[in-house]
Protein backbone atom coordinates (compact mmCIF):
# COMPACT_ATOMS: atom_id res chain seq x y z
CA MET A 1 -0.67 19.52 -11.48
CA ASP A 2 -2.94 17.03 -13.44
CA GLU A 3 -4.37 19.47 -15.82
CA ILE A 4 -6.15 17.85 -18.53
CA SER A 5 -7.54 19.16 -21.93
CA ILE A 6 -10.66 17.82 -23.45
CA ARG A 7 -11.90 18.13 -27.16
CA LEU A 8 -15.51 19.08 -27.63
CA PRO A 9 -17.42 19.22 -30.91
CA LYS A 10 -18.02 22.73 -32.27
CA LYS A 11 -19.04 22.50 -35.92
CA VAL A 12 -20.57 19.24 -36.90
CA ILE A 13 -21.81 17.67 -40.04
CA TYR A 14 -24.91 15.49 -39.86
CA ASP A 15 -25.37 12.35 -41.95
CA ASP A 16 -28.29 14.32 -43.74
CA GLY A 17 -25.68 16.89 -45.06
CA THR A 18 -26.67 19.75 -42.82
CA SER A 19 -24.32 21.36 -40.45
CA GLU A 20 -24.49 23.13 -37.05
CA ILE A 21 -22.41 25.08 -34.74
CA LEU A 22 -23.09 23.69 -31.29
CA PRO A 23 -22.71 26.01 -28.11
CA LYS A 24 -19.80 25.14 -25.92
CA ASP A 25 -22.00 25.01 -22.74
CA TYR A 26 -24.28 22.62 -24.48
CA VAL A 27 -21.59 20.12 -25.60
CA LYS A 28 -19.91 20.32 -22.13
CA ALA A 29 -23.07 18.81 -20.58
CA GLU A 30 -23.28 14.95 -20.39
CA GLY A 31 -26.23 13.55 -22.08
CA ASN A 32 -26.52 15.96 -24.90
CA LEU A 33 -24.13 14.25 -27.26
CA ARG A 34 -24.34 10.55 -26.94
CA LEU A 35 -22.62 7.57 -28.45
CA TYR A 36 -24.23 4.45 -30.05
CA THR A 37 -23.21 1.05 -30.78
CA ASN A 38 -25.14 -2.13 -32.05
CA ASP A 39 -22.41 -4.35 -30.38
CA ILE A 40 -22.34 -3.66 -26.55
CA LYS A 41 -20.18 -6.77 -25.91
CA ARG A 42 -17.47 -5.41 -28.24
CA LEU A 43 -17.71 -1.91 -26.46
CA LEU A 44 -17.33 -3.72 -23.03
CA ARG A 45 -14.42 -5.78 -24.16
CA ASP A 46 -12.67 -2.70 -25.72
CA LEU A 47 -13.19 -0.52 -22.58
CA LYS A 48 -12.17 -3.25 -20.21
CA GLY A 49 -9.03 -3.76 -22.45
CA SER A 50 -8.30 -0.15 -22.12
CA GLY A 51 -8.23 -0.23 -18.32
CA PHE A 52 -11.86 0.63 -17.60
CA LYS A 53 -13.46 -1.22 -14.73
CA GLU A 54 -16.98 -1.92 -13.73
CA THR A 55 -18.00 0.52 -10.89
CA LEU A 56 -19.72 -0.46 -7.69
CA LEU A 57 -20.66 2.90 -6.11
CA GLU A 58 -22.68 5.18 -8.22
CA ILE A 59 -26.08 6.65 -8.80
CA ARG A 60 -27.93 4.42 -11.35
CA LYS A 61 -29.58 6.14 -14.30
CA GLY A 62 -31.01 3.15 -16.05
CA GLU A 63 -27.73 1.88 -17.37
CA LYS A 64 -26.90 -1.69 -17.97
CA TYR A 65 -23.13 -1.27 -17.31
CA SER A 66 -21.23 1.50 -15.56
CA LEU A 67 -17.46 1.68 -15.98
CA SER A 68 -14.71 3.97 -14.88
CA LYS A 69 -11.14 4.56 -15.44
CA LYS A 70 -8.68 6.68 -13.24
CA ILE A 71 -6.35 9.04 -14.86
CA GLY A 72 -4.35 10.89 -12.16
CA VAL A 73 -6.93 12.82 -10.08
CA TRP A 74 -9.46 12.43 -12.94
CA GLU A 75 -11.92 9.69 -13.70
CA ILE A 76 -13.71 8.86 -16.98
CA HIS A 77 -17.19 7.44 -16.25
CA VAL A 78 -19.08 5.51 -19.04
CA ARG A 79 -22.67 4.53 -18.74
CA ILE A 80 -23.88 1.88 -21.36
CA TYR A 81 -27.67 1.56 -21.82
CA PRO A 82 -29.52 -1.61 -22.94
CA ASP A 83 -30.50 0.20 -26.26
CA GLY A 84 -26.78 0.67 -27.20
CA PHE A 85 -26.58 4.31 -26.33
CA THR A 86 -23.71 5.53 -24.16
CA ASP A 87 -23.12 8.51 -21.85
CA SER A 88 -19.70 9.50 -20.67
CA HIS A 89 -18.08 12.25 -18.77
CA LEU A 90 -14.79 13.24 -17.26
CA GLU A 91 -14.86 14.20 -13.45
CA LEU A 92 -12.72 14.71 -10.54
CA SER A 93 -12.10 11.23 -8.98
CA ARG A 94 -14.55 9.87 -6.48
CA GLU A 95 -11.56 9.40 -4.20
CA TYR A 96 -11.82 13.05 -3.28
CA PHE A 97 -14.46 14.94 -1.16
CA GLN A 98 -14.38 17.76 -4.04
CA HIS A 99 -15.92 15.07 -6.40
CA LEU A 100 -19.33 16.05 -5.08
CA SER A 101 -19.09 19.71 -6.10
CA PHE A 102 -16.63 19.76 -8.94
CA PRO A 103 -17.95 20.18 -12.48
CA SER A 104 -17.77 17.27 -14.95
CA VAL A 105 -17.53 17.46 -18.69
CA SER A 106 -18.88 15.36 -21.39
CA PHE A 107 -16.30 12.76 -22.77
CA ALA A 108 -18.33 11.53 -25.61
CA TYR A 109 -16.31 12.86 -28.43
CA GLU A 110 -12.94 11.88 -26.92
CA LEU A 111 -14.43 8.25 -26.35
CA GLN A 112 -15.45 8.20 -30.04
CA LEU A 113 -12.00 9.16 -30.93
CA MET A 114 -10.61 6.16 -29.00
CA LEU A 115 -13.13 3.99 -30.44
CA PRO A 116 -14.08 5.05 -33.95
CA TYR A 117 -16.80 2.52 -34.53
CA LEU A 118 -19.09 4.35 -31.86
CA GLU A 119 -21.54 6.72 -33.60
CA LEU A 120 -21.84 10.17 -32.25
CA TYR A 121 -25.48 11.60 -31.98
CA ASN A 122 -26.79 14.92 -31.00
CA HIS A 123 -30.21 13.82 -29.83
CA ASP A 124 -31.85 11.90 -32.79
CA LYS A 125 -29.32 13.17 -35.53
CA ARG A 126 -26.09 11.33 -36.30
CA ILE A 127 -23.03 13.31 -36.42
CA LEU A 128 -21.02 12.17 -39.46
CA ARG A 129 -18.03 14.21 -38.59
CA VAL A 130 -16.63 16.96 -36.49
CA GLU A 131 -14.95 19.84 -38.45
CA GLU A 132 -14.09 22.20 -35.58
CA PHE A 133 -13.93 21.72 -31.86
CA TYR A 134 -13.49 23.50 -28.82
CA GLU A 135 -10.69 22.89 -26.18
CA GLU A 136 -11.86 22.70 -22.53
CA LYS A 137 -8.97 22.68 -20.08
CA MET A 138 -9.66 21.31 -16.68
CA ALA A 139 -7.52 22.03 -13.66
CA PRO A 140 -8.27 20.10 -10.34
CA PRO A 141 -8.57 22.09 -7.11
CA LYS A 142 -5.21 23.21 -5.64
CA HIS A 143 -5.66 20.80 -2.75
CA VAL A 144 -7.59 17.68 -3.05
CA ILE A 145 -8.78 16.05 -0.03
CA PRO A 146 -9.09 12.20 -0.13
CA TRP A 147 -11.88 10.85 1.86
CA LYS A 148 -10.61 7.41 2.70
CA PRO A 149 -8.02 8.36 5.33
CA ILE A 150 -10.70 10.61 7.13
CA ALA A 151 -13.36 7.82 6.81
CA ILE A 152 -10.98 5.33 8.43
CA SER A 153 -9.78 7.63 11.04
CA LEU A 154 -13.22 9.03 12.07
CA PRO A 155 -14.30 5.84 13.91
CA CYS A 156 -11.05 5.65 15.92
CA ILE A 157 -11.41 9.31 16.93
CA ILE A 158 -15.01 8.78 18.02
CA TYR A 159 -14.08 5.78 19.89
CA PHE A 160 -11.31 7.51 21.93
CA ILE A 161 -13.39 10.50 22.61
CA PHE A 162 -16.09 8.16 24.19
CA ARG A 163 -13.41 6.06 25.76
CA ARG A 164 -11.94 9.10 27.50
CA ARG A 165 -15.29 10.09 28.80
CA GLU A 166 -15.57 6.85 30.51
CA PHE A 167 -12.41 7.64 32.63
CA THR A 168 -13.32 11.09 33.51
């Protein structure tokens, strides 16, 4: 049910010719590997053309733009900062209660594969290419609980509880 597989950089070659094996836990965390573009307008246009939409409800981290795209029970979240750097991660959709406690995983490398003009960075070192990668399989909880039906029903339930007290 909606299992998804993400590629994460393992062995990387930097633009200075050096290489490194990156630990899996390190590359899974959002913000360690970042993307860069000097053309934010192009990135926005390309993301929106691929089905990303600007988000309204989120915790701001200084980004200029925040976009997301839903894929089944999953959601890709992209934050674009004024300096051209971008963070992205894959998470359980915000439509479900479990979103608050379910782990997310970096989506930087996958986003670069989608938009090859984006440059991948490990802090201040530009990654020229990825020679090996990890595969991270993510499976959603067995039972996802959407919050909207509960949020809509709750005021009605409270109303009827108070209304019932008026007649007793």
